[in-house]
Protein backbone atom coordinates (compact mmCIF):
# COMPACT_ATOMS: atom_id res chain seq x y z
CA UNK A 1 -9.74 20.77 35.11
CA UNK A 2 -6.34 20.93 36.73
CA UNK A 3 -3.02 21.58 35.02
CA UNK A 4 -2.07 17.90 35.25
CA UNK A 5 -5.37 16.85 33.65
CA UNK A 6 -4.77 19.22 30.74
CA UNK A 7 -1.25 17.88 30.25
CA UNK A 8 -2.49 14.29 30.37
CA UNK A 9 -5.29 15.02 27.90
CA UNK A 10 -2.84 16.69 25.53
CA UNK A 11 -0.47 13.72 25.76
CA UNK A 12 -3.31 11.29 25.06
CA UNK A 13 -4.38 13.31 22.02
CA UNK A 14 -0.82 13.30 20.68
CA UNK A 15 -0.57 9.55 21.25
CA UNK A 16 -3.94 8.94 19.58
CA UNK A 17 -2.84 10.96 16.53
CA UNK A 18 0.42 9.01 16.36
CA UNK A 19 -1.47 5.71 16.54
CA UNK A 20 -3.85 6.83 13.77
CA UNK A 21 -0.91 7.95 11.61
CA UNK A 22 0.80 4.61 12.19
CA UNK A 23 -2.38 2.67 11.41
CA UNK A 24 -2.93 4.68 8.23
CA UNK A 25 0.66 4.06 7.19
CA UNK A 26 0.29 0.34 7.93
CA UNK A 27 -2.92 0.25 5.89
CA UNK A 28 -1.27 1.97 2.93
CA UNK A 29 1.70 -0.42 3.13
CA UNK A 30 -0.69 -3.38 3.22
CA UNK A 31 -2.59 -2.15 0.16
CA UNK A 32 0.68 -1.63 -1.72
CA UNK A 33 1.89 -5.11 -0.79
CA UNK A 34 -1.42 -6.69 -1.83
CA UNK A 35 -1.22 -4.94 -5.21
CA UNK A 36 2.31 -6.30 -5.67
CA UNK A 37 1.14 -9.82 -4.76
CA UNK A 38 -1.78 -9.51 -7.19
CA UNK A 39 0.60 -8.43 -9.96
CA UNK A 40 2.94 -11.34 -9.21
CA UNK A 41 0.06 -13.83 -9.31
CA UNK A 42 -1.06 -12.37 -12.64
CA UNK A 43 2.44 -12.76 -14.10
CA UNK A 44 2.66 -16.34 -12.82
CA UNK A 45 -0.70 -17.18 -14.43
CA UNK A 46 0.52 -15.77 -17.76
CA UNK A 47 3.70 -17.84 -17.49
CA UNK A 48 1.70 -20.99 -16.77
CA UNK A 49 -0.65 -20.32 -19.69
CA UNK A 50 2.36 -20.32 -22.05
CA UNK A 51 3.34 -23.85 -21.01
């Protein structure tokens, strides 16, 4: 393996880790948002039941 190949491989690994971190963060944000939506729907149902 040449020096350039090692550098390229290292850069790809760093990029892959960044992508995985971003995807994990996006997933956690999505789960949080879905929980908030679920809570809002539950509160709306309770409000409608009182009518």
